N, C-alpha and C. Protein backbone atom coordinates (compact mmCIF):
# COMPACT_ATOMS: atom_id res chain seq x y z
N MET A 1 29.19 75.30 -54.43
CA MET A 1 27.95 75.04 -53.59
C MET A 1 27.33 73.74 -53.31
N LYS A 2 27.53 73.24 -51.83
CA LYS A 2 27.11 71.70 -51.60
C LYS A 2 26.03 71.13 -52.03
N LYS A 3 25.77 70.22 -52.65
CA LYS A 3 24.16 69.67 -53.16
C LYS A 3 23.50 69.06 -52.01
N ASN A 4 22.25 69.27 -52.03
CA ASN A 4 21.75 68.61 -50.78
C ASN A 4 21.55 66.99 -50.99
N TYR A 5 21.94 66.15 -50.41
CA TYR A 5 22.06 64.92 -50.57
C TYR A 5 20.99 64.50 -50.72
N LEU A 6 19.85 64.73 -49.84
CA LEU A 6 18.39 64.31 -50.03
C LEU A 6 17.71 64.71 -51.41
N ALA A 7 18.27 65.50 -52.04
CA ALA A 7 17.83 65.78 -53.56
C ALA A 7 17.75 64.37 -54.54
N ASN A 8 18.45 63.70 -54.14
CA ASN A 8 18.55 62.42 -54.64
C ASN A 8 17.02 61.38 -55.04
N TYR A 9 16.42 61.98 -54.10
CA TYR A 9 15.21 61.11 -53.54
C TYR A 9 13.91 61.91 -54.40
N LYS A 10 14.17 62.70 -54.92
CA LYS A 10 13.24 63.31 -55.76
C LYS A 10 12.58 62.86 -57.10
N ILE A 11 11.24 62.97 -57.08
CA ILE A 11 10.74 62.43 -58.30
C ILE A 11 10.14 63.71 -58.78
N ASP A 12 10.06 63.87 -60.22
CA ASP A 12 9.50 64.96 -61.30
C ASP A 12 7.98 64.46 -61.40
N ILE A 13 6.87 64.99 -60.94
CA ILE A 13 5.63 64.61 -61.16
C ILE A 13 4.57 65.30 -61.89
N PHE A 14 5.30 66.69 -62.09
CA PHE A 14 4.38 67.59 -63.01
C PHE A 14 3.72 67.21 -64.12
N ARG A 15 4.59 66.48 -65.10
CA ARG A 15 4.78 66.49 -66.37
C ARG A 15 4.20 64.79 -66.64
N LEU A 16 3.74 64.13 -65.61
CA LEU A 16 3.74 62.49 -65.77
C LEU A 16 2.58 62.48 -66.32
N GLU A 17 2.14 61.73 -67.25
CA GLU A 17 1.05 60.87 -67.68
C GLU A 17 0.35 59.96 -66.40
N ASN A 18 -0.93 59.73 -66.67
CA ASN A 18 -1.81 59.13 -65.69
C ASN A 18 -1.48 57.65 -65.81
N LYS A 19 -0.37 56.97 -65.66
CA LYS A 19 -0.32 55.88 -65.51
C LYS A 19 0.85 55.65 -64.28
N GLN A 20 1.33 54.19 -64.34
CA GLN A 20 2.21 53.73 -63.46
C GLN A 20 3.75 53.68 -64.12
N TYR A 21 4.56 54.16 -62.91
CA TYR A 21 5.85 54.58 -63.03
C TYR A 21 6.60 53.55 -61.77
N VAL A 22 7.81 53.26 -62.04
CA VAL A 22 8.76 52.47 -60.96
C VAL A 22 10.15 53.33 -61.06
N HIS A 23 10.32 53.68 -59.77
CA HIS A 23 11.45 54.29 -59.53
C HIS A 23 12.36 53.41 -58.33
N GLU A 24 13.68 53.40 -58.57
CA GLU A 24 14.49 52.58 -57.62
C GLU A 24 15.35 53.24 -56.95
N PHE A 25 15.65 53.51 -55.60
CA PHE A 25 16.81 54.22 -54.90
C PHE A 25 17.36 53.48 -53.86
N GLU A 26 18.50 53.78 -53.87
CA GLU A 26 19.45 53.26 -52.49
C GLU A 26 20.05 54.59 -51.68
N GLY A 27 20.62 53.76 -50.42
CA GLY A 27 21.12 55.10 -49.45
C GLY A 27 21.98 54.10 -48.44
N ASP A 28 22.83 54.61 -48.15
CA ASP A 28 23.85 54.18 -47.08
C ASP A 28 23.89 54.88 -45.89
N SER A 29 25.03 54.82 -45.20
CA SER A 29 25.17 55.39 -43.81
C SER A 29 24.94 57.17 -44.10
N GLN A 30 25.28 57.66 -44.93
CA GLN A 30 24.96 59.19 -45.09
C GLN A 30 23.73 59.59 -45.27
N PHE A 31 22.86 58.56 -45.57
CA PHE A 31 21.06 58.97 -45.84
C PHE A 31 20.73 59.24 -44.37
N PHE A 32 21.06 58.37 -43.10
CA PHE A 32 20.73 58.39 -42.14
C PHE A 32 21.30 59.50 -41.41
N ALA A 33 22.54 59.92 -41.65
CA ALA A 33 23.21 60.86 -40.94
C ALA A 33 22.52 62.45 -41.31
N GLU A 34 21.88 62.50 -42.47
CA GLU A 34 21.22 63.67 -42.74
C GLU A 34 19.80 63.94 -41.62
N TYR A 35 19.64 63.02 -41.15
CA TYR A 35 18.62 63.47 -39.83
C TYR A 35 19.35 63.34 -38.42
N GLU A 36 18.89 64.25 -37.85
CA GLU A 36 19.43 64.59 -36.57
C GLU A 36 18.66 63.54 -35.51
N GLN A 37 19.22 62.46 -35.46
CA GLN A 37 18.83 61.23 -34.47
C GLN A 37 19.82 60.49 -34.18
N ASP A 38 19.74 59.80 -33.20
CA ASP A 38 21.11 58.91 -32.43
C ASP A 38 20.61 57.63 -32.76
N GLU A 39 19.44 57.04 -33.18
CA GLU A 39 19.01 55.81 -32.98
C GLU A 39 19.67 54.77 -34.04
N ILE A 40 19.91 55.45 -35.46
CA ILE A 40 20.39 54.62 -36.38
C ILE A 40 21.80 55.44 -36.88
N GLY A 41 22.76 54.77 -36.77
CA GLY A 41 24.11 55.45 -37.00
C GLY A 41 24.37 54.73 -38.27
N LYS A 42 24.45 53.54 -38.53
CA LYS A 42 24.88 52.99 -39.74
C LYS A 42 23.76 52.15 -40.35
N GLY A 43 23.95 52.20 -41.92
CA GLY A 43 22.79 51.30 -42.49
C GLY A 43 22.85 51.24 -43.77
N ASN A 44 22.01 50.89 -44.37
CA ASN A 44 21.69 50.63 -45.88
C ASN A 44 20.52 50.11 -46.39
N PHE A 45 20.25 50.51 -47.56
CA PHE A 45 18.73 49.90 -48.09
C PHE A 45 18.59 50.19 -49.42
N LYS A 46 17.76 49.46 -50.10
CA LYS A 46 17.41 49.61 -51.38
C LYS A 46 15.72 49.76 -51.58
N ALA A 47 15.27 50.71 -52.05
CA ALA A 47 13.89 51.06 -51.94
C ALA A 47 13.31 50.80 -53.59
N LYS A 48 12.14 50.16 -53.96
CA LYS A 48 11.53 50.56 -54.79
C LYS A 48 10.22 51.19 -54.82
N VAL A 49 9.83 52.23 -55.40
CA VAL A 49 8.82 52.89 -55.36
C VAL A 49 8.13 52.71 -56.48
N ASN A 50 6.50 52.24 -56.36
CA ASN A 50 5.89 52.06 -57.32
C ASN A 50 4.72 53.40 -57.36
N LEU A 51 4.79 54.07 -58.54
CA LEU A 51 3.81 55.30 -58.61
C LEU A 51 2.81 54.81 -59.51
N ASP A 52 1.66 55.17 -58.87
CA ASP A 52 0.49 55.28 -59.89
C ASP A 52 -0.47 56.57 -59.57
N LYS A 53 -0.21 57.20 -60.99
CA LYS A 53 -0.68 58.77 -61.14
C LYS A 53 -2.12 58.61 -61.65
N SER A 54 -3.00 59.63 -61.17
CA SER A 54 -4.53 59.48 -62.02
C SER A 54 -4.47 61.05 -61.90
N GLU A 55 -5.60 61.72 -62.35
CA GLU A 55 -6.22 62.98 -62.19
C GLU A 55 -6.35 63.50 -60.92
N THR A 56 -6.64 62.49 -59.83
CA THR A 56 -6.85 63.53 -58.41
C THR A 56 -6.11 63.00 -57.30
N MET A 57 -5.14 62.00 -57.76
CA MET A 57 -4.18 61.57 -57.05
C MET A 57 -2.94 60.87 -57.26
N ILE A 58 -1.70 60.35 -56.43
CA ILE A 58 -0.80 59.67 -56.62
C ILE A 58 -0.76 58.87 -55.50
N GLN A 59 -0.76 57.33 -55.84
CA GLN A 59 -0.71 56.32 -54.98
C GLN A 59 0.84 55.77 -55.23
N LEU A 60 1.54 55.75 -53.90
CA LEU A 60 2.89 55.12 -53.77
C LEU A 60 2.97 53.90 -53.08
N LEU A 61 3.49 52.90 -53.74
CA LEU A 61 3.57 51.89 -52.78
C LEU A 61 5.28 51.47 -52.60
N TYR A 62 5.79 51.47 -51.45
CA TYR A 62 6.98 51.40 -51.10
C TYR A 62 7.26 49.93 -50.71
N GLU A 63 8.54 49.40 -51.21
CA GLU A 63 8.99 48.09 -51.11
C GLU A 63 10.51 48.15 -50.84
N ILE A 64 10.90 48.16 -49.56
CA ILE A 64 12.32 48.40 -48.92
C ILE A 64 12.80 47.25 -48.40
N GLU A 65 14.26 47.10 -48.54
CA GLU A 65 15.11 45.99 -47.73
C GLU A 65 15.92 46.94 -47.33
N ALA A 66 16.28 46.73 -45.84
CA ALA A 66 17.38 47.69 -45.17
C ALA A 66 17.96 46.90 -44.26
N VAL A 67 19.05 47.20 -43.80
CA VAL A 67 19.88 46.55 -42.83
C VAL A 67 20.41 47.89 -41.95
N VAL A 68 20.15 47.89 -40.48
CA VAL A 68 20.57 49.05 -39.90
C VAL A 68 21.48 48.54 -38.92
N GLU A 69 22.19 49.46 -38.19
CA GLU A 69 22.94 49.00 -36.83
C GLU A 69 22.68 49.63 -35.88
N LEU A 70 22.27 48.70 -34.77
CA LEU A 70 21.65 49.05 -33.53
C LEU A 70 22.61 48.56 -32.46
N THR A 71 22.12 49.53 -31.20
CA THR A 71 23.02 48.95 -29.85
C THR A 71 22.15 48.12 -28.94
N CYS A 72 22.78 47.16 -28.69
CA CYS A 72 21.91 46.31 -27.81
C CYS A 72 21.75 46.90 -26.56
N ASP A 73 20.53 46.78 -25.74
CA ASP A 73 20.25 47.42 -24.54
C ASP A 73 20.78 46.84 -23.53
N ARG A 74 21.16 45.41 -23.71
CA ARG A 74 21.80 44.76 -22.86
C ARG A 74 23.37 44.69 -22.78
N SER A 75 23.94 44.55 -23.43
CA SER A 75 25.44 44.48 -23.70
C SER A 75 25.85 45.56 -24.24
N LEU A 76 25.31 46.42 -24.97
CA LEU A 76 25.61 47.57 -25.63
C LEU A 76 26.70 47.00 -26.96
N GLU A 77 26.53 46.00 -27.18
CA GLU A 77 27.16 45.65 -28.53
C GLU A 77 26.48 46.15 -29.68
N GLN A 78 27.15 46.05 -30.76
CA GLN A 78 26.58 46.89 -31.82
C GLN A 78 26.25 45.55 -33.10
N PHE A 79 24.83 45.54 -33.51
CA PHE A 79 24.55 44.31 -34.28
C PHE A 79 23.73 45.08 -35.34
N GLU A 80 23.63 44.00 -36.58
CA GLU A 80 22.79 44.51 -37.82
C GLU A 80 21.14 44.00 -37.21
N TYR A 81 20.53 44.58 -37.89
CA TYR A 81 19.11 44.51 -37.69
C TYR A 81 18.51 44.58 -39.08
N PRO A 82 18.01 43.57 -39.46
CA PRO A 82 17.24 43.25 -41.14
C PRO A 82 16.04 44.15 -41.03
N ILE A 83 15.68 44.90 -42.03
CA ILE A 83 14.26 45.23 -42.17
C ILE A 83 13.78 44.84 -43.42
N SER A 84 12.56 44.64 -43.82
CA SER A 84 11.77 44.36 -44.84
C SER A 84 10.47 44.87 -44.67
N ILE A 85 10.11 45.80 -45.58
CA ILE A 85 9.01 46.67 -45.78
C ILE A 85 7.86 46.63 -46.83
N THR A 86 6.85 46.91 -46.69
CA THR A 86 5.96 47.25 -47.83
C THR A 86 4.70 48.40 -47.29
N LYS A 87 5.01 49.65 -47.69
CA LYS A 87 3.79 50.47 -47.31
C LYS A 87 3.58 51.22 -48.40
N LYS A 88 2.33 51.97 -47.94
CA LYS A 88 1.48 52.66 -49.13
C LYS A 88 1.24 54.13 -48.63
N MET A 89 1.33 54.77 -49.53
CA MET A 89 1.14 56.12 -49.23
C MET A 89 0.26 56.76 -50.43
N ILE A 90 -0.79 57.80 -49.67
CA ILE A 90 -1.75 58.57 -50.96
C ILE A 90 -1.70 60.01 -51.07
N LEU A 91 -1.21 60.70 -52.08
CA LEU A 91 -0.88 61.82 -51.90
C LEU A 91 -2.14 62.30 -52.92
N LYS A 92 -3.01 63.09 -52.37
CA LYS A 92 -4.23 63.41 -53.21
C LYS A 92 -4.18 65.14 -53.27
N PHE A 93 -4.29 65.18 -54.80
CA PHE A 93 -4.50 66.70 -55.27
C PHE A 93 -5.20 67.53 -54.47
N ALA A 94 -4.81 68.76 -53.98
CA ALA A 94 -5.67 69.78 -53.41
C ALA A 94 -5.35 71.19 -53.57
N ASP A 95 -5.71 72.22 -53.06
CA ASP A 95 -5.34 73.52 -52.79
C ASP A 95 -4.45 73.90 -52.00
N ARG A 96 -3.91 72.91 -51.04
CA ARG A 96 -2.91 73.25 -49.99
C ARG A 96 -2.23 71.88 -49.82
N THR A 97 -1.29 72.14 -48.98
CA THR A 97 -0.42 70.69 -48.49
C THR A 97 -0.68 70.77 -47.29
N GLU A 98 -0.93 69.14 -46.85
CA GLU A 98 -1.66 69.24 -45.45
C GLU A 98 -1.22 67.72 -45.24
N GLU A 99 -0.86 67.14 -44.18
CA GLU A 99 -0.81 65.61 -43.83
C GLU A 99 -2.11 65.29 -43.10
N VAL A 100 -2.68 64.47 -43.53
CA VAL A 100 -4.12 64.14 -43.04
C VAL A 100 -4.18 63.09 -42.10
N THR A 101 -3.30 62.17 -42.39
CA THR A 101 -2.88 60.82 -41.71
C THR A 101 -1.65 60.55 -42.02
N ASP A 102 -1.23 59.23 -41.63
CA ASP A 102 -0.03 58.75 -41.60
C ASP A 102 0.26 57.75 -43.07
N GLU A 103 -0.92 58.08 -43.80
CA GLU A 103 -0.99 57.56 -45.18
C GLU A 103 -1.68 58.27 -45.69
N LEU A 104 -1.93 59.11 -45.84
CA LEU A 104 -2.89 60.14 -46.54
C LEU A 104 -2.42 61.52 -46.61
N MET A 105 -1.96 62.11 -47.58
CA MET A 105 -1.38 63.48 -47.58
C MET A 105 -1.92 64.39 -48.58
N LEU A 106 -2.42 65.76 -48.46
CA LEU A 106 -2.94 66.68 -49.38
C LEU A 106 -1.86 67.12 -49.91
N ILE A 107 -1.67 67.37 -51.31
CA ILE A 107 -0.68 68.30 -51.73
C ILE A 107 -1.01 69.10 -52.77
N ASP A 108 -0.52 70.40 -52.89
CA ASP A 108 -1.00 71.39 -53.75
C ASP A 108 -0.94 70.81 -55.25
N ARG A 109 -1.85 71.05 -56.05
CA ARG A 109 -2.04 70.48 -57.31
C ARG A 109 -1.06 70.70 -58.41
N HIS A 110 -0.50 72.11 -58.01
CA HIS A 110 0.76 72.89 -58.82
C HIS A 110 2.13 72.02 -58.32
N VAL A 111 2.29 71.46 -57.36
CA VAL A 111 3.56 70.79 -57.24
C VAL A 111 4.35 70.06 -58.18
N GLN A 112 5.50 70.23 -58.46
CA GLN A 112 6.24 69.92 -59.73
C GLN A 112 7.09 68.66 -59.26
N GLN A 113 7.39 68.55 -57.86
CA GLN A 113 8.26 67.62 -57.35
C GLN A 113 7.81 67.22 -56.05
N ILE A 114 8.30 65.68 -55.90
CA ILE A 114 7.87 64.99 -54.34
C ILE A 114 9.24 64.69 -54.14
N ASN A 115 9.62 64.59 -52.82
CA ASN A 115 11.00 63.95 -52.25
C ASN A 115 10.33 62.57 -51.18
N VAL A 116 10.95 61.67 -51.56
CA VAL A 116 10.68 60.17 -50.94
C VAL A 116 11.23 60.03 -49.70
N ALA A 117 12.33 60.78 -49.51
CA ALA A 117 13.30 60.48 -48.51
C ALA A 117 12.70 60.27 -46.97
N GLN A 118 11.84 61.45 -46.90
CA GLN A 118 11.14 61.38 -45.68
C GLN A 118 10.33 60.15 -45.38
N ASP A 119 9.73 59.72 -46.43
CA ASP A 119 8.84 58.39 -46.12
C ASP A 119 9.63 57.29 -45.88
N ILE A 120 11.04 57.17 -46.49
CA ILE A 120 11.89 56.02 -46.56
C ILE A 120 12.10 56.08 -45.14
N PHE A 121 12.66 57.11 -44.97
CA PHE A 121 13.41 57.21 -43.22
C PHE A 121 12.08 56.69 -42.28
N ASP A 122 11.22 57.35 -42.18
CA ASP A 122 10.07 57.22 -41.29
C ASP A 122 9.87 55.62 -41.33
N PHE A 123 9.61 54.99 -42.64
CA PHE A 123 9.07 53.52 -42.59
C PHE A 123 10.20 52.53 -41.97
N ILE A 124 11.54 53.02 -42.06
CA ILE A 124 12.56 52.11 -41.75
C ILE A 124 12.57 52.48 -40.20
N PHE A 125 12.61 53.65 -39.67
CA PHE A 125 12.75 54.27 -38.37
C PHE A 125 11.90 53.43 -37.32
N LEU A 126 10.42 53.46 -38.05
CA LEU A 126 9.41 52.90 -37.04
C LEU A 126 9.37 51.74 -37.13
N GLU A 127 10.31 50.83 -37.73
CA GLU A 127 10.61 49.25 -37.50
C GLU A 127 11.38 49.00 -36.54
N ILE A 128 12.09 50.02 -36.18
CA ILE A 128 13.07 49.71 -35.35
C ILE A 128 12.44 49.19 -33.73
N PRO A 129 12.85 48.24 -33.19
CA PRO A 129 12.09 47.47 -32.23
C PRO A 129 12.29 48.29 -30.76
N ILE A 130 11.47 48.93 -29.79
CA ILE A 130 11.74 49.44 -28.75
C ILE A 130 12.55 48.84 -27.98
N LYS A 131 12.61 47.35 -27.54
CA LYS A 131 13.55 46.81 -27.13
C LYS A 131 14.77 45.96 -27.95
N ARG A 132 15.85 46.63 -27.85
CA ARG A 132 16.72 46.24 -28.81
C ARG A 132 17.69 44.86 -28.26
N LEU A 133 17.59 43.96 -28.63
CA LEU A 133 18.63 42.53 -27.87
C LEU A 133 19.48 42.45 -29.28
N HIS A 134 20.69 42.07 -28.81
CA HIS A 134 21.58 41.10 -29.51
C HIS A 134 20.89 39.91 -30.11
N PRO A 135 20.93 39.25 -31.13
CA PRO A 135 20.61 37.93 -31.52
C PRO A 135 20.78 37.17 -30.56
N LYS A 136 22.12 37.16 -29.87
CA LYS A 136 22.33 36.00 -29.30
C LYS A 136 21.49 35.87 -27.86
N PHE A 137 20.88 36.91 -27.50
CA PHE A 137 19.96 37.02 -26.38
C PHE A 137 18.79 37.01 -26.50
N GLU A 138 18.19 36.57 -27.95
CA GLU A 138 16.57 36.58 -28.14
C GLU A 138 16.11 35.27 -27.84
N GLN A 139 16.87 34.14 -27.81
CA GLN A 139 16.49 32.79 -27.46
C GLN A 139 16.44 32.70 -25.95
N GLU A 140 17.05 33.35 -25.46
CA GLU A 140 17.13 33.58 -23.55
C GLU A 140 15.46 34.37 -23.48
N GLU A 141 15.22 35.56 -24.27
CA GLU A 141 14.18 36.29 -23.93
C GLU A 141 12.80 35.26 -24.16
N VAL A 142 12.92 34.74 -25.17
CA VAL A 142 11.77 33.33 -25.72
C VAL A 142 11.37 32.56 -24.63
N GLU A 143 12.61 31.91 -24.28
CA GLU A 143 12.48 31.03 -23.08
C GLU A 143 12.05 31.51 -21.69
N GLY A 144 12.44 32.76 -21.32
CA GLY A 144 12.12 33.34 -20.19
C GLY A 144 10.58 33.58 -20.28
N ASP A 145 10.16 34.20 -21.16
CA ASP A 145 8.59 34.39 -21.58
C ASP A 145 7.74 33.29 -21.67
N ASP A 146 8.42 31.93 -22.12
CA ASP A 146 7.46 30.96 -21.80
C ASP A 146 7.33 30.28 -20.58
N GLU A 147 8.47 30.73 -19.67
CA GLU A 147 8.49 30.26 -18.17
C GLU A 147 7.39 31.07 -17.49
N GLU A 148 7.16 32.12 -18.03
CA GLU A 148 6.53 33.31 -17.28
C GLU A 148 5.20 33.01 -17.15
N ASP A 149 4.80 32.32 -18.86
CA ASP A 149 3.39 32.37 -18.93
C ASP A 149 2.86 31.01 -18.23
N TRP A 150 3.59 30.19 -17.81
CA TRP A 150 3.09 29.14 -16.94
C TRP A 150 3.11 29.30 -15.43
N ASP A 151 2.06 29.31 -14.69
CA ASP A 151 1.69 29.39 -13.45
C ASP A 151 1.22 28.10 -12.85
N ASP A 152 1.85 28.23 -11.20
CA ASP A 152 1.19 26.84 -10.77
C ASP A 152 -0.07 26.46 -10.46
N ASP A 153 -0.83 27.62 -10.87
CA ASP A 153 -2.50 27.22 -10.57
C ASP A 153 -3.08 26.83 -11.79
N ASP A 154 -2.14 27.14 -12.99
CA ASP A 154 -2.70 26.53 -14.11
C ASP A 154 -2.63 24.94 -14.52
N LEU A 155 -3.66 24.57 -14.83
CA LEU A 155 -4.06 22.98 -14.77
C LEU A 155 -4.71 22.53 -16.12
N LEU A 156 -4.39 21.53 -16.86
CA LEU A 156 -5.17 20.80 -17.70
C LEU A 156 -6.49 19.95 -17.01
N TRP A 157 -7.69 20.20 -17.56
CA TRP A 157 -8.71 19.74 -17.12
C TRP A 157 -9.55 19.04 -18.41
N GLU A 158 -10.19 17.84 -17.87
CA GLU A 158 -11.15 16.99 -18.98
C GLU A 158 -12.26 17.33 -18.97
N ASP A 159 -13.04 17.89 -20.08
CA ASP A 159 -14.31 18.41 -20.26
C ASP A 159 -15.25 17.26 -20.69
N GLU A 160 -16.38 17.48 -20.90
CA GLU A 160 -17.39 16.59 -20.85
C GLU A 160 -17.24 15.74 -21.90
N GLU A 161 -16.81 16.02 -23.09
CA GLU A 161 -16.52 15.36 -24.16
C GLU A 161 -14.90 14.54 -24.25
N GLY A 162 -14.31 14.51 -23.13
CA GLY A 162 -13.15 13.93 -23.15
C GLY A 162 -11.92 14.50 -23.44
N GLU A 163 -12.27 15.92 -23.92
CA GLU A 163 -10.91 16.67 -24.59
C GLU A 163 -10.17 17.49 -23.14
N PHE A 164 -8.94 17.56 -23.21
CA PHE A 164 -8.10 18.35 -21.96
C PHE A 164 -8.07 19.83 -22.72
N VAL A 165 -8.75 20.38 -21.50
CA VAL A 165 -9.02 21.89 -21.71
C VAL A 165 -7.53 22.56 -20.65
N TYR A 166 -6.89 23.72 -21.11
CA TYR A 166 -5.82 24.69 -20.37
C TYR A 166 -7.19 25.60 -19.65
N THR A 167 -6.79 25.51 -18.47
CA THR A 167 -7.65 26.48 -17.49
C THR A 167 -6.87 26.99 -16.30
N THR A 168 -7.33 27.94 -15.92
CA THR A 168 -6.79 28.62 -14.47
C THR A 168 -7.56 28.44 -13.29
N GLU A 169 -8.92 27.97 -13.65
CA GLU A 169 -9.99 27.90 -12.59
C GLU A 169 -10.61 26.38 -12.20
N GLY A 170 -9.90 25.45 -12.87
CA GLY A 170 -10.34 24.03 -12.83
C GLY A 170 -11.36 23.57 -13.46
N GLY A 171 -11.81 24.13 -14.53
CA GLY A 171 -13.32 23.53 -15.14
C GLY A 171 -13.38 24.49 -16.09
N ASP A 172 -14.77 24.25 -16.81
CA ASP A 172 -15.32 25.23 -17.88
C ASP A 172 -16.49 26.18 -17.42
N ASP A 173 -16.35 27.40 -17.60
CA ASP A 173 -17.16 28.26 -17.16
C ASP A 173 -17.41 29.52 -18.21
N ASP A 174 -18.26 29.36 -19.17
CA ASP A 174 -18.75 30.18 -20.42
C ASP A 174 -18.66 31.77 -19.79
N ASP A 175 -19.32 31.90 -18.99
CA ASP A 175 -19.67 33.04 -18.53
C ASP A 175 -18.23 33.96 -18.23
N GLU A 176 -17.21 33.12 -17.29
CA GLU A 176 -16.27 33.87 -16.87
C GLU A 176 -15.08 33.85 -18.21
N ASP A 177 -15.36 33.02 -19.05
CA ASP A 177 -14.46 33.17 -20.33
C ASP A 177 -15.00 34.45 -21.10
N GLU A 178 -16.32 34.71 -21.15
CA GLU A 178 -16.90 35.84 -22.08
C GLU A 178 -16.37 36.92 -21.17
N GLU A 179 -16.33 37.10 -19.96
CA GLU A 179 -16.05 38.18 -19.13
C GLU A 179 -14.62 38.41 -19.33
N GLU A 180 -13.82 37.51 -19.47
CA GLU A 180 -11.95 37.59 -19.51
C GLU A 180 -11.96 38.25 -21.14
N GLU A 181 -12.68 37.56 -22.05
CA GLU A 181 -12.54 38.19 -23.30
C GLU A 181 -12.80 39.67 -23.48
N GLU A 182 -13.95 39.99 -22.72
CA GLU A 182 -14.34 41.35 -22.84
C GLU A 182 -13.22 42.28 -22.07
N TYR A 183 -12.71 42.00 -21.05
CA TYR A 183 -11.75 42.53 -20.48
C TYR A 183 -10.66 42.84 -21.28
N GLU A 184 -9.91 41.75 -21.91
CA GLU A 184 -8.80 41.89 -22.75
C GLU A 184 -9.07 42.90 -23.84
N GLU A 185 -10.25 42.78 -24.28
CA GLU A 185 -10.55 43.91 -25.54
C GLU A 185 -10.47 45.07 -24.90
N GLU A 186 -11.18 45.48 -24.02
CA GLU A 186 -11.14 46.78 -23.08
C GLU A 186 -9.80 47.27 -22.78
N GLU A 187 -9.01 46.45 -22.30
CA GLU A 187 -7.48 46.67 -22.05
C GLU A 187 -6.81 47.23 -23.21
N GLU A 188 -7.06 46.23 -24.46
CA GLU A 188 -6.52 46.98 -25.72
C GLU A 188 -6.66 48.13 -26.03
N GLU A 189 -8.08 48.34 -25.71
CA GLU A 189 -8.61 49.51 -26.49
C GLU A 189 -8.23 51.10 -25.90
N SER A 190 -8.11 50.65 -24.14
CA SER A 190 -7.77 51.74 -23.43
C SER A 190 -6.51 52.67 -23.83
N PRO A 191 -5.44 52.24 -24.35
CA PRO A 191 -4.49 53.24 -24.59
C PRO A 191 -4.77 54.18 -25.66
N GLU A 192 -5.53 53.76 -26.52
CA GLU A 192 -5.79 54.69 -27.64
C GLU A 192 -6.98 55.44 -27.11
N ASP A 193 -7.75 55.11 -26.37
CA ASP A 193 -9.01 56.04 -25.78
C ASP A 193 -8.62 57.11 -24.77
N ASP A 194 -7.21 56.87 -24.15
CA ASP A 194 -6.66 57.85 -23.12
C ASP A 194 -5.86 58.83 -23.84
N PRO A 195 -5.98 60.00 -23.72
CA PRO A 195 -5.29 60.99 -24.35
C PRO A 195 -4.08 61.10 -23.58
N GLU A 196 -4.27 60.70 -22.54
CA GLU A 196 -2.76 60.75 -21.71
C GLU A 196 -2.04 59.55 -21.63
N ALA A 197 -2.06 58.68 -22.80
CA ALA A 197 -1.42 57.62 -22.87
C ALA A 197 -0.16 57.97 -23.37
N PRO A 198 0.83 57.18 -22.62
CA PRO A 198 2.49 57.64 -23.00
C PRO A 198 2.46 57.17 -24.75
N ILE A 199 3.26 57.84 -25.40
CA ILE A 199 3.28 58.07 -26.79
C ILE A 199 4.68 57.43 -27.27
N ASP A 200 4.53 56.34 -28.15
CA ASP A 200 5.50 55.57 -28.70
C ASP A 200 6.66 56.60 -28.75
N PRO A 201 8.00 56.15 -28.16
CA PRO A 201 9.21 57.22 -28.41
C PRO A 201 9.77 57.41 -29.59
N ARG A 202 9.57 56.53 -30.54
CA ARG A 202 9.63 56.56 -32.16
C ARG A 202 9.05 57.39 -32.78
N TRP A 203 7.56 57.69 -32.53
CA TRP A 203 6.50 58.67 -33.12
C TRP A 203 7.13 60.22 -32.54
N ALA A 204 7.64 60.03 -31.07
CA ALA A 204 8.10 61.33 -30.69
C ALA A 204 9.20 61.97 -31.16
N ILE A 205 10.07 60.97 -31.43
CA ILE A 205 11.51 61.36 -32.13
C ILE A 205 10.97 61.95 -33.47
N LEU A 206 10.29 61.10 -34.49
CA LEU A 206 9.85 61.42 -35.69
C LEU A 206 9.33 62.73 -35.76
N LYS A 207 8.37 63.00 -34.83
CA LYS A 207 7.61 64.09 -34.43
C LYS A 207 8.62 65.72 -34.31
N ASN A 208 9.87 65.31 -33.49
CA ASN A 208 10.79 66.54 -33.53
C ASN A 208 11.64 66.67 -34.48
N LEU A 209 11.90 65.74 -35.20
CA LEU A 209 12.56 65.77 -36.44
C LEU A 209 11.92 66.61 -37.47
N LYS A 210 10.53 66.25 -37.69
CA LYS A 210 9.74 66.73 -38.82
C LYS A 210 9.66 68.48 -38.37
N ASN A 211 9.66 68.72 -36.98
CA ASN A 211 9.45 69.93 -36.49
C ASN A 211 10.61 70.84 -36.59
N ASN A 212 11.66 70.23 -36.43
CA ASN A 212 12.82 70.91 -36.61
C ASN A 212 13.30 70.99 -38.16
N GLN A 213 12.70 70.42 -39.26
CA GLN A 213 13.07 70.73 -40.54
C GLN A 213 12.01 71.62 -41.11
N ASN A 214 11.08 71.92 -40.32
CA ASN A 214 9.98 72.58 -40.96
C ASN A 214 10.75 74.27 -40.50
């Protein structure tokens, strides 16, 4: 019988004493092939998991260094994308198993093993940029953004203290500045407040993967 590849990422916790432990894991393209997704074909990683066990919970600190192969959205070329991650998870002992938040999960107090493969995959997957560009195009994007930021109506004005101030209105106006700041804050918060706001496609893919595994 073929052994489940992801079983290599199990940690026995039932008999652990209440203290800190360090576990190290590695993975290659076979690891990513275990998940039904097309975003990562090839890749490798090294992960150090610092486990801190107490009477009520287990705290996991992940330190992951990875390189994954992505496809450029512009040229369709393959390129390597480096990823460096430090993430924390808390597993709180309870009478049931339930995911509370992205960083907190309840686990049955009688569970004897945990598997960190899903966490490692999720952390790496969420670091993949939504817009994927080969490194040779990145400088063009930066230069393009700088040009778009400058507008013909944007001018430098000298304030009362003799200092130059960048403004789009031709002078200082504290009230307008405050209104603009309030507007920007409301604009940043609106996607979270709107239940119909579009979901990050990476989260949607992860949700489907987890549903298929359950």
